[in-house]
Amino acid sequence: MDSKKEIYEIEFTEDARDEIREIYEYISKNLVNQDAAKRLMRKMRKNVMDLAESPKIYAKIKKKDRMKREFRRMVVDNFIVLYTIDENKKTIYISHMYYGRRNYL
């Protein structure tokens, strides 16, 4: 019996890359806390990379885009990471990263 787990590829959309960059700059420059910004980025990276083995670990949300893709929501500290799963390509797309108090729906 082969219990080999399937590993998904992870890709970031351009929007997600921009949002992550903005969050990092805001924390490091506006809040003048580069250490906190680096910690957040390390934690976010670890949580995102964990999705490669367990992409369905987080709950689906009611948001869908015009392509009818289902989004899932992962919380990392005070931030929400939205992602979709393409089962055919075995790829996870990190779509957005928002501050948790922002209305992302």
PDB file of N, CA and C in Angstrom:
ATOM      1  N   MET A   1       0.840  -1.190   0.000  1.00  0.00           N
ATOM      2  CA  MET A   1       0.000   0.000   0.000  1.00  0.00           C
ATOM      3  C   MET A   1       0.878   1.245   0.000  1.00  0.00           C
ATOM      4  N   ASP A   2       0.742   2.064  -1.019  1.00  0.00           N
ATOM      5  CA  ASP A   2       1.550   3.266  -1.165  1.00  0.00           C
ATOM      6  C   ASP A   2       0.814   4.450  -0.549  1.00  0.00           C
ATOM      7  N   SER A   3       1.391   5.047   0.491  1.00  0.00           N
ATOM      8  CA  SER A   3       0.747   6.171   1.167  1.00  0.00           C
ATOM      9  C   SER A   3       1.424   7.495   0.809  1.00  0.00           C
ATOM     10  N   LYS A   4       1.969   7.559  -0.387  1.00  0.00           N
ATOM     11  CA  LYS A   4       2.659   8.762  -0.848  1.00  0.00           C
ATOM     12  C   LYS A   4       1.672   9.921  -0.986  1.00  0.00           C
ATOM     13  N   LYS A   5       1.977  11.022  -0.318  1.00  0.00           N
ATOM     14  CA  LYS A   5       1.126  12.200  -0.366  1.00  0.00           C
ATOM     15  C   LYS A   5       1.400  12.992  -1.629  1.00  0.00           C
ATOM     16  N   GLU A   6       0.346  13.535  -2.192  1.00  0.00           N
ATOM     17  CA  GLU A   6       0.493  14.368  -3.368  1.00  0.00           C
ATOM     18  C   GLU A   6       0.896  15.779  -2.935  1.00  0.00           C
ATOM     19  N   ILE A   7       1.891  16.328  -3.590  1.00  0.00           N
ATOM     20  CA  ILE A   7       2.374  17.671  -3.272  1.00  0.00           C
ATOM     21  C   ILE A   7       1.902  18.630  -4.355  1.00  0.00           C
ATOM     22  N   TYR A   8       1.283  19.723  -3.937  1.00  0.00           N
ATOM     23  CA  TYR A   8       0.783  20.741  -4.855  1.00  0.00           C
ATOM     24  C   TYR A   8       1.850  21.822  -5.062  1.00  0.00           C
ATOM     25  N   GLU A   9       1.840  22.405  -6.251  1.00  0.00           N
ATOM     26  CA  GLU A   9       2.672  23.569  -6.528  1.00  0.00           C
ATOM     27  C   GLU A   9       1.977  24.779  -5.912  1.00  0.00           C
ATOM     28  N   ILE A  10       2.756  25.789  -5.568  1.00  0.00           N
ATOM     29  CA  ILE A  10       2.186  27.017  -5.014  1.00  0.00           C
ATOM     30  C   ILE A  10       2.627  28.181  -5.879  1.00  0.00           C
ATOM     31  N   GLU A  11       1.650  28.987  -6.302  1.00  0.00           N
ATOM     32  CA  GLU A  11       1.933  30.174  -7.102  1.00  0.00           C
ATOM     33  C   GLU A  11       1.238  31.374  -6.469  1.00  0.00           C
ATOM     34  N   PHE A  12       1.902  32.518  -6.523  1.00  0.00           N
ATOM     35  CA  PHE A  12       1.343  33.769  -6.025  1.00  0.00           C
ATOM     36  C   PHE A  12       0.871  34.596  -7.204  1.00  0.00           C
ATOM     37  N   THR A  13      -0.344  35.144  -7.111  1.00  0.00           N
ATOM     38  CA  THR A  13      -0.806  36.057  -8.152  1.00  0.00           C
ATOM     39  C   THR A  13      -0.039  37.377  -7.998  1.00  0.00           C
ATOM     40  N   GLU A  14      -0.075  38.180  -9.033  1.00  0.00           N
ATOM     41  CA  GLU A  14       0.585  39.488  -8.972  1.00  0.00           C
ATOM     42  C   GLU A  14      -0.058  40.353  -7.897  1.00  0.00           C
ATOM     43  N   ASP A  15      -1.388  40.273  -7.749  1.00  0.00           N
ATOM     44  CA  ASP A  15      -2.082  41.027  -6.694  1.00  0.00           C
ATOM     45  C   ASP A  15      -1.559  40.622  -5.318  1.00  0.00           C
ATOM     46  N   ALA A  16      -1.428  39.323  -5.090  1.00  0.00           N
ATOM     47  CA  ALA A  16      -0.942  38.848  -3.788  1.00  0.00           C
ATOM     48  C   ALA A  16       0.475  39.333  -3.535  1.00  0.00           C
ATOM     49  N   ARG A  17       1.329  39.258  -4.545  1.00  0.00           N
ATOM     50  CA  ARG A  17       2.711  39.747  -4.389  1.00  0.00           C
ATOM     51  C   ARG A  17       2.730  41.221  -3.998  1.00  0.00           C
ATOM     52  N   ASP A  18       1.902  42.024  -4.681  1.00  0.00           N
ATOM     53  CA  ASP A  18       1.831  43.460  -4.371  1.00  0.00           C
ATOM     54  C   ASP A  18       1.331  43.694  -2.952  1.00  0.00           C
ATOM     55  N   GLU A  19       0.290  42.969  -2.560  1.00  0.00           N
ATOM     56  CA  GLU A  19      -0.282  43.141  -1.217  1.00  0.00           C
ATOM     57  C   GLU A  19       0.705  42.736  -0.132  1.00  0.00           C
ATOM     58  N   ILE A  20       1.428  41.657  -0.358  1.00  0.00           N
ATOM     59  CA  ILE A  20       2.440  41.209   0.615  1.00  0.00           C
ATOM     60  C   ILE A  20       3.540  42.248   0.743  1.00  0.00           C
ATOM     61  N   ARG A  21       3.974  42.783  -0.384  1.00  0.00           N
ATOM     62  CA  ARG A  21       5.010  43.822  -0.383  1.00  0.00           C
ATOM     63  C   ARG A  21       4.531  45.061   0.379  1.00  0.00           C
ATOM     64  N   GLU A  22       3.275  45.462   0.131  1.00  0.00           N
ATOM     65  CA  GLU A  22       2.717  46.630   0.821  1.00  0.00           C
ATOM     66  C   GLU A  22       2.633  46.409   2.323  1.00  0.00           C
ATOM     67  N   ILE A  23       2.214  45.224   2.735  1.00  0.00           N
ATOM     68  CA  ILE A  23       2.128  44.908   4.168  1.00  0.00           C
ATOM     69  C   ILE A  23       3.503  44.949   4.810  1.00  0.00           C
ATOM     70  N   TYR A  24       4.488  44.352   4.146  1.00  0.00           N
ATOM     71  CA  TYR A  24       5.848  44.352   4.671  1.00  0.00           C
ATOM     72  C   TYR A  24       6.360  45.786   4.823  1.00  0.00           C
ATOM     73  N   GLU A  25       6.172  46.595   3.787  1.00  0.00           N
ATOM     74  CA  GLU A  25       6.646  47.986   3.838  1.00  0.00           C
ATOM     75  C   GLU A  25       5.922  48.783   4.911  1.00  0.00           C
ATOM     76  N   TYR A  26       4.619  48.553   5.050  1.00  0.00           N
ATOM     77  CA  TYR A  26       3.854  49.275   6.063  1.00  0.00           C
ATOM     78  C   TYR A  26       4.381  48.960   7.464  1.00  0.00           C
ATOM     79  N   ILE A  27       4.565  47.673   7.751  1.00  0.00           N
ATOM     80  CA  ILE A  27       5.030  47.283   9.087  1.00  0.00           C
ATOM     81  C   ILE A  27       6.460  47.756   9.323  1.00  0.00           C
ATOM     82  N   SER A  28       7.320  47.583   8.340  1.00  0.00           N
ATOM     83  CA  SER A  28       8.731  47.917   8.550  1.00  0.00           C
ATOM     84  C   SER A  28       8.991  49.422   8.537  1.00  0.00           C
ATOM     85  N   LYS A  29       8.255  50.183   7.710  1.00  0.00           N
ATOM     86  CA  LYS A  29       8.529  51.618   7.600  1.00  0.00           C
ATOM     87  C   LYS A  29       7.563  52.473   8.418  1.00  0.00           C
ATOM     88  N   ASN A  30       6.264  52.276   8.223  1.00  0.00           N
ATOM     89  CA  ASN A  30       5.297  53.124   8.939  1.00  0.00           C
ATOM     90  C   ASN A  30       5.252  52.801  10.424  1.00  0.00           C
ATOM     91  N   LEU A  31       5.305  51.508  10.753  1.00  0.00           N
ATOM     92  CA  LEU A  31       5.297  51.122  12.159  1.00  0.00           C
ATOM     93  C   LEU A  31       6.713  51.010  12.721  1.00  0.00           C
ATOM     94  N   VAL A  32       7.698  51.207  11.871  1.00  0.00           N
ATOM     95  CA  VAL A  32       9.115  51.167  12.219  1.00  0.00           C
ATOM     96  C   VAL A  32       9.445  49.903  13.018  1.00  0.00           C
ATOM     97  N   ASN A  33       9.064  48.760  12.445  1.00  0.00           N
ATOM     98  CA  ASN A  33       9.329  47.497  13.123  1.00  0.00           C
ATOM     99  C   ASN A  33       9.693  46.431  12.084  1.00  0.00           C
ATOM    100  N   GLN A  34      10.921  46.515  11.608  1.00  0.00           N
ATOM    101  CA  GLN A  34      11.372  45.591  10.577  1.00  0.00           C
ATOM    102  C   GLN A  34      11.414  44.150  11.080  1.00  0.00           C
ATOM    103  N   ASP A  35      11.750  43.960  12.361  1.00  0.00           N
ATOM    104  CA  ASP A  35      11.769  42.602  12.924  1.00  0.00           C
ATOM    105  C   ASP A  35      10.378  41.966  12.874  1.00  0.00           C
ATOM    106  N   ALA A  36       9.353  42.727  13.223  1.00  0.00           N
ATOM    107  CA  ALA A  36       7.975  42.206  13.181  1.00  0.00           C
ATOM    108  C   ALA A  36       7.572  41.889  11.745  1.00  0.00           C
ATOM    109  N   ALA A  37       7.972  42.732  10.806  1.00  0.00           N
ATOM    110  CA  ALA A  37       7.660  42.493   9.394  1.00  0.00           C
ATOM    111  C   ALA A  37       8.320  41.203   8.918  1.00  0.00           C
ATOM    112  N   LYS A  38       9.563  40.985   9.298  1.00  0.00           N
ATOM    113  CA  LYS A  38      10.273  39.762   8.907  1.00  0.00           C
ATOM    114  C   LYS A  38       9.648  38.527   9.549  1.00  0.00           C
ATOM    115  N   ARG A  39       9.267  38.633  10.820  1.00  0.00           N
ATOM    116  CA  ARG A  39       8.611  37.501  11.499  1.00  0.00           C
ATOM    117  C   ARG A  39       7.307  37.134  10.810  1.00  0.00           C
ATOM    118  N   LEU A  40       6.520  38.150  10.459  1.00  0.00           N
ATOM    119  CA  LEU A  40       5.255  37.907   9.774  1.00  0.00           C
ATOM    120  C   LEU A  40       5.498  37.212   8.432  1.00  0.00           C
ATOM    121  N   MET A  41       6.481  37.674   7.684  1.00  0.00           N
ATOM    122  CA  MET A  41       6.768  37.083   6.374  1.00  0.00           C
ATOM    123  C   MET A  41       7.240  35.629   6.512  1.00  0.00           C
ATOM    124  N   ARG A  42       8.060  35.340   7.522  1.00  0.00           N
ATOM    125  CA  ARG A  42       8.501  33.959   7.754  1.00  0.00           C
ATOM    126  C   ARG A  42       7.320  33.063   8.120  1.00  0.00           C
ATOM    127  N   LYS A  43       6.448  33.560   8.994  1.00  0.00           N
ATOM    128  CA  LYS A  43       5.289  32.783   9.418  1.00  0.00           C
ATOM    129  C   LYS A  43       4.335  32.558   8.239  1.00  0.00           C
ATOM    130  N   MET A  44       4.118  33.611   7.450  1.00  0.00           N
ATOM    131  CA  MET A  44       3.242  33.494   6.290  1.00  0.00           C
ATOM    132  C   MET A  44       3.813  32.489   5.296  1.00  0.00           C
ATOM    133  N   ARG A  45       5.109  32.547   5.065  1.00  0.00           N
ATOM    134  CA  ARG A  45       5.754  31.622   4.127  1.00  0.00           C
ATOM    135  C   ARG A  45       5.605  30.173   4.606  1.00  0.00           C
ATOM    136  N   LYS A  46       5.848  29.947   5.894  1.00  0.00           N
ATOM    137  CA  LYS A  46       5.729  28.591   6.434  1.00  0.00           C
ATOM    138  C   LYS A  46       4.299  28.058   6.278  1.00  0.00           C
ATOM    139  N   ASN A  47       3.311  28.890   6.633  1.00  0.00           N
ATOM    140  CA  ASN A  47       1.917  28.460   6.524  1.00  0.00           C
ATOM    141  C   ASN A  47       1.519  28.195   5.076  1.00  0.00           C
ATOM    142  N   VAL A  48       1.971  29.049   4.164  1.00  0.00           N
ATOM    143  CA  VAL A  48       1.663  28.854   2.750  1.00  0.00           C
ATOM    144  C   VAL A  48       2.334  27.580   2.240  1.00  0.00           C
ATOM    145  N   MET A  49       3.580  27.348   2.604  1.00  0.00           N
ATOM    146  CA  MET A  49       4.280  26.153   2.136  1.00  0.00           C
ATOM    147  C   MET A  49       3.633  24.881   2.694  1.00  0.00           C
ATOM    148  N   ASP A  50       3.065  24.953   3.883  1.00  0.00           N
ATOM    149  CA  ASP A  50       2.349  23.804   4.455  1.00  0.00           C
ATOM    150  C   ASP A  50       1.126  23.422   3.622  1.00  0.00           C
ATOM    151  N   LEU A  51       0.573  24.379   2.891  1.00  0.00           N
ATOM    152  CA  LEU A  51      -0.576  24.094   2.035  1.00  0.00           C
ATOM    153  C   LEU A  51      -0.234  23.078   0.945  1.00  0.00           C
ATOM    154  N   ALA A  52       1.021  23.009   0.551  1.00  0.00           N
ATOM    155  CA  ALA A  52       1.435  22.104  -0.528  1.00  0.00           C
ATOM    156  C   ALA A  52       1.051  20.657  -0.222  1.00  0.00           C
ATOM    157  N   GLU A  53       1.043  20.294   1.054  1.00  0.00           N
ATOM    158  CA  GLU A  53       0.696  18.929   1.447  1.00  0.00           C
ATOM    159  C   GLU A  53      -0.757  18.796   1.907  1.00  0.00           C
ATOM    160  N   SER A  54      -1.341  19.887   2.354  1.00  0.00           N
ATOM    161  CA  SER A  54      -2.724  19.837   2.870  1.00  0.00           C
ATOM    162  C   SER A  54      -3.507  21.062   2.393  1.00  0.00           C
ATOM    163  N   PRO A  55      -3.795  21.154   1.108  1.00  0.00           N
ATOM    164  CA  PRO A  55      -4.438  22.368   0.593  1.00  0.00           C
ATOM    165  C   PRO A  55      -5.865  22.598   1.073  1.00  0.00           C
ATOM    166  N   LYS A  56      -6.537  21.561   1.524  1.00  0.00           N
ATOM    167  CA  LYS A  56      -7.939  21.709   1.918  1.00  0.00           C
ATOM    168  C   LYS A  56      -8.113  21.851   3.425  1.00  0.00           C
ATOM    169  N   ILE A  57      -7.031  22.150   4.125  1.00  0.00           N
ATOM    170  CA  ILE A  57      -7.079  22.237   5.582  1.00  0.00           C
ATOM    171  C   ILE A  57      -7.919  23.430   6.070  1.00  0.00           C
ATOM    172  N   TYR A  58      -7.992  24.480   5.267  1.00  0.00           N
ATOM    173  CA  TYR A  58      -8.739  25.676   5.680  1.00  0.00           C
ATOM    174  C   TYR A  58     -10.113  25.704   5.010  1.00  0.00           C
ATOM    175  N   ALA A  59     -11.034  26.365   5.676  1.00  0.00           N
ATOM    176  CA  ALA A  59     -12.429  26.387   5.238  1.00  0.00           C
ATOM    177  C   ALA A  59     -12.634  27.215   3.967  1.00  0.00           C
ATOM    178  N   LYS A  60     -13.635  26.782   3.196  1.00  0.00           N
ATOM    179  CA  LYS A  60     -14.073  27.558   2.040  1.00  0.00           C
ATOM    180  C   LYS A  60     -14.822  28.777   2.564  1.00  0.00           C
ATOM    181  N   ILE A  61     -14.808  29.835   1.773  1.00  0.00           N
ATOM    182  CA  ILE A  61     -15.586  31.028   2.131  1.00  0.00           C
ATOM    183  C   ILE A  61     -16.612  31.278   1.040  1.00  0.00           C
ATOM    184  N   LYS A  62     -17.488  32.233   1.256  1.00  0.00           N
ATOM    185  CA  LYS A  62     -18.580  32.490   0.319  1.00  0.00           C
ATOM    186  C   LYS A  62     -18.169  33.319  -0.886  1.00  0.00           C
ATOM    187  N   LYS A  63     -16.942  33.743  -0.950  1.00  0.00           N
ATOM    188  CA  LYS A  63     -16.458  34.554  -2.073  1.00  0.00           C
ATOM    189  C   LYS A  63     -16.149  33.649  -3.269  1.00  0.00           C
ATOM    190  N   LYS A  64     -16.613  34.062  -4.441  1.00  0.00           N
ATOM    191  CA  LYS A  64     -16.255  33.403  -5.699  1.00  0.00           C
ATOM    192  C   LYS A  64     -15.944  34.501  -6.697  1.00  0.00           C
ATOM    193  N   ASP A  65     -15.063  34.214  -7.627  1.00  0.00           N
ATOM    194  CA  ASP A  65     -14.750  35.206  -8.648  1.00  0.00           C
ATOM    195  C   ASP A  65     -15.552  34.919  -9.912  1.00  0.00           C
ATOM    196  N   ARG A  66     -15.312  35.707 -10.945  1.00  0.00           N
ATOM    197  CA  ARG A  66     -16.102  35.547 -12.174  1.00  0.00           C
ATOM    198  C   ARG A  66     -15.863  34.204 -12.851  1.00  0.00           C
ATOM    199  N   MET A  67     -14.777  33.510 -12.494  1.00  0.00           N
ATOM    200  CA  MET A  67     -14.504  32.188 -13.047  1.00  0.00           C
ATOM    201  C   MET A  67     -15.100  31.086 -12.170  1.00  0.00           C
ATOM    202  N   LYS A  68     -15.860  31.482 -11.155  1.00  0.00           N
ATOM    203  CA  LYS A  68     -16.551  30.560 -10.244  1.00  0.00           C
ATOM    204  C   LYS A  68     -15.594  29.708  -9.406  1.00  0.00           C
ATOM    205  N   ARG A  69     -14.373  30.197  -9.201  1.00  0.00           N
ATOM    206  CA  ARG A  69     -13.432  29.467  -8.354  1.00  0.00           C
ATOM    207  C   ARG A  69     -13.812  29.661  -6.895  1.00  0.00           C
ATOM    208  N   GLU A  70     -13.647  28.612  -6.117  1.00  0.00           N
ATOM    209  CA  GLU A  70     -13.906  28.691  -4.682  1.00  0.00           C
ATOM    210  C   GLU A  70     -12.628  29.158  -3.982  1.00  0.00           C
ATOM    211  N   PHE A  71     -12.816  30.051  -3.027  1.00  0.00           N
ATOM    212  CA  PHE A  71     -11.685  30.542  -2.245  1.00  0.00           C
ATOM    213  C   PHE A  71     -11.690  29.884  -0.873  1.00  0.00           C
ATOM    214  N   ARG A  72     -10.516  29.746  -0.333  1.00  0.00           N
ATOM    215  CA  ARG A  72     -10.336  29.297   1.046  1.00  0.00           C
ATOM    216  C   ARG A  72      -9.596  30.409   1.781  1.00  0.00           C
ATOM    217  N   ARG A  73      -9.771  30.422   3.091  1.00  0.00           N
ATOM    218  CA  ARG A  73      -9.208  31.498   3.914  1.00  0.00           C
ATOM    219  C   ARG A  73      -8.273  30.922   4.968  1.00  0.00           C
ATOM    220  N   MET A  74      -7.067  31.450   4.997  1.00  0.00           N
ATOM    221  CA  MET A  74      -6.088  31.082   6.011  1.00  0.00           C
ATOM    222  C   MET A  74      -5.768  32.355   6.814  1.00  0.00           C
ATOM    223  N   VAL A  75      -5.740  32.236   8.126  1.00  0.00           N
ATOM    224  CA  VAL A  75      -5.418  33.380   8.980  1.00  0.00           C
ATOM    225  C   VAL A  75      -3.975  33.240   9.447  1.00  0.00           C
ATOM    226  N   VAL A  76      -3.208  34.320   9.256  1.00  0.00           N
ATOM    227  CA  VAL A  76      -1.824  34.384   9.723  1.00  0.00           C
ATOM    228  C   VAL A  76      -1.714  35.668  10.547  1.00  0.00           C
ATOM    229  N   ASP A  77      -1.623  35.515  11.850  1.00  0.00           N
ATOM    230  CA  ASP A  77      -1.648  36.652  12.772  1.00  0.00           C
ATOM    231  C   ASP A  77      -2.892  37.489  12.494  1.00  0.00           C
ATOM    232  N   ASN A  78      -2.717  38.774  12.161  1.00  0.00           N
ATOM    233  CA  ASN A  78      -3.869  39.657  11.916  1.00  0.00           C
ATOM    234  C   ASN A  78      -4.221  39.755  10.436  1.00  0.00           C
ATOM    235  N   PHE A  79      -3.773  38.816   9.643  1.00  0.00           N
ATOM    236  CA  PHE A  79      -3.954  38.902   8.201  1.00  0.00           C
ATOM    237  C   PHE A  79      -4.684  37.679   7.650  1.00  0.00           C
ATOM    238  N   ILE A  80      -5.419  37.912   6.582  1.00  0.00           N
ATOM    239  CA  ILE A  80      -6.180  36.874   5.901  1.00  0.00           C
ATOM    240  C   ILE A  80      -5.497  36.586   4.569  1.00  0.00           C
ATOM    241  N   VAL A  81      -5.232  35.307   4.304  1.00  0.00           N
ATOM    242  CA  VAL A  81      -4.674  34.882   3.026  1.00  0.00           C
ATOM    243  C   VAL A  81      -5.774  34.120   2.300  1.00  0.00           C
ATOM    244  N   LEU A  82      -6.139  34.588   1.103  1.00  0.00           N
ATOM    245  CA  LEU A  82      -7.137  33.900   0.294  1.00  0.00           C
ATOM    246  C   LEU A  82      -6.429  33.120  -0.799  1.00  0.00           C
ATOM    247  N   TYR A  83      -6.894  31.897  -1.008  1.00  0.00           N
ATOM    248  CA  TYR A  83      -6.279  31.077  -2.044  1.00  0.00           C
ATOM    249  C   TYR A  83      -7.311  30.184  -2.715  1.00  0.00           C
ATOM    250  N   THR A  84      -6.963  29.706  -3.906  1.00  0.00           N
ATOM    251  CA  THR A  84      -7.797  28.770  -4.647  1.00  0.00           C
ATOM    252  C   THR A  84      -6.959  27.538  -4.968  1.00  0.00           C
ATOM    253  N   ILE A  85      -7.650  26.456  -5.265  1.00  0.00           N
ATOM    254  CA  ILE A  85      -6.979  25.195  -5.592  1.00  0.00           C
ATOM    255  C   ILE A  85      -7.411  24.770  -6.988  1.00  0.00           C
ATOM    256  N   ASP A  86      -6.440  24.482  -7.837  1.00  0.00           N
ATOM    257  CA  ASP A  86      -6.720  23.918  -9.156  1.00  0.00           C
ATOM    258  C   ASP A  86      -6.347  22.443  -9.089  1.00  0.00           C
ATOM    259  N   GLU A  87      -7.354  21.592  -8.935  1.00  0.00           N
ATOM    260  CA  GLU A  87      -7.114  20.155  -8.788  1.00  0.00           C
ATOM    261  C   GLU A  87      -6.509  19.539 -10.044  1.00  0.00           C
ATOM    262  N   ASN A  88      -6.896  20.040 -11.213  1.00  0.00           N
ATOM    263  CA  ASN A  88      -6.365  19.491 -12.465  1.00  0.00           C
ATOM    264  C   ASN A  88      -4.863  19.725 -12.592  1.00  0.00           C
ATOM    265  N   LYS A  89      -4.425  20.913 -12.221  1.00  0.00           N
ATOM    266  CA  LYS A  89      -3.000  21.256 -12.321  1.00  0.00           C
ATOM    267  C   LYS A  89      -2.233  20.952 -11.039  1.00  0.00           C
ATOM    268  N   LYS A  90      -2.955  20.564  -9.981  1.00  0.00           N
ATOM    269  CA  LYS A  90      -2.351  20.332  -8.666  1.00  0.00           C
ATOM    270  C   LYS A  90      -1.556  21.573  -8.232  1.00  0.00           C
ATOM    271  N   THR A  91      -2.245  22.724  -8.343  1.00  0.00           N
ATOM    272  CA  THR A  91      -1.626  24.006  -8.026  1.00  0.00           C
ATOM    273  C   THR A  91      -2.522  24.800  -7.086  1.00  0.00           C
ATOM    274  N   ILE A  92      -1.887  25.454  -6.132  1.00  0.00           N
ATOM    275  CA  ILE A  92      -2.564  26.363  -5.205  1.00  0.00           C
ATOM    276  C   ILE A  92      -2.180  27.779  -5.620  1.00  0.00           C
ATOM    277  N   TYR A  93      -3.169  28.631  -5.805  1.00  0.00           N
ATOM    278  CA  TYR A  93      -2.915  30.026  -6.173  1.00  0.00           C
ATOM    279  C   TYR A  93      -3.199  30.912  -4.969  1.00  0.00           C
ATOM    280  N   ILE A  94      -2.160  31.557  -4.473  1.00  0.00           N
ATOM    281  CA  ILE A  94      -2.327  32.530  -3.390  1.00  0.00           C
ATOM    282  C   ILE A  94      -2.814  33.805  -4.061  1.00  0.00           C
ATOM    283  N   SER A  95      -4.070  34.173  -3.790  1.00  0.00           N
ATOM    284  CA  SER A  95      -4.718  35.257  -4.523  1.00  0.00           C
ATOM    285  C   SER A  95      -4.591  36.620  -3.866  1.00  0.00           C
ATOM    286  N   HIS A  96      -4.757  36.652  -2.543  1.00  0.00           N
ATOM    287  CA  HIS A  96      -4.758  37.938  -1.836  1.00  0.00           C
ATOM    288  C   HIS A  96      -4.277  37.756  -0.408  1.00  0.00           C
ATOM    289  N   MET A  97      -3.776  38.862   0.151  1.00  0.00           N
ATOM    290  CA  MET A  97      -3.442  38.920   1.576  1.00  0.00           C
ATOM    291  C   MET A  97      -3.950  40.255   2.086  1.00  0.00           C
ATOM    292  N   TYR A  98      -4.888  40.193   3.042  1.00  0.00           N
ATOM    293  CA  TYR A  98      -5.541  41.388   3.564  1.00  0.00           C
ATOM    294  C   TYR A  98      -5.330  41.504   5.062  1.00  0.00           C
ATOM    295  N   TYR A  99      -5.382  42.753   5.542  1.00  0.00           N
ATOM    296  CA  TYR A  99      -5.442  42.980   6.986  1.00  0.00           C
ATOM    297  C   TYR A  99      -6.783  42.432   7.462  1.00  0.00           C
ATOM    298  N   GLY A 100      -6.794  41.726   8.570  1.00  0.00           N
ATOM    299  CA  GLY A 100      -7.971  40.999   9.048  1.00  0.00           C
ATOM    300  C   GLY A 100      -9.213  41.819   9.297  1.00  0.00           C
ATOM    301  N   ARG A 101      -9.076  43.083   9.597  1.00  0.00           N
ATOM    302  CA  ARG A 101     -10.260  43.909   9.872  1.00  0.00           C
ATOM    303  C   ARG A 101     -10.861  44.507   8.610  1.00  0.00           C
ATOM    304  N   ARG A 102     -10.200  44.285   7.497  1.00  0.00           N
ATOM    305  CA  ARG A 102     -10.698  44.792   6.222  1.00  0.00           C
ATOM    306  C   ARG A 102     -11.790  43.853   5.696  1.00  0.00           C
ATOM    307  N   ASN A 103     -12.801  44.420   5.065  1.00  0.00           N
ATOM    308  CA  ASN A 103     -13.861  43.601   4.480  1.00  0.00           C
ATOM    309  C   ASN A 103     -13.359  43.057   3.139  1.00  0.00           C
ATOM    310  N   TYR A 104     -12.968  41.798   3.113  1.00  0.00           N
ATOM    311  CA  TYR A 104     -12.389  41.203   1.905  1.00  0.00           C
ATOM    312  C   TYR A 104     -13.426  40.490   1.061  1.00  0.00           C
ATOM    313  N   LEU A 105     -14.656  40.383   1.544  1.00  0.00           N
ATOM    314  CA  LEU A 105     -15.714  39.724   0.762  1.00  0.00           C
ATOM    315  C   LEU A 105     -16.384  40.746  -0.106  1.00  0.00           C
TER     316      LEU A 105
END
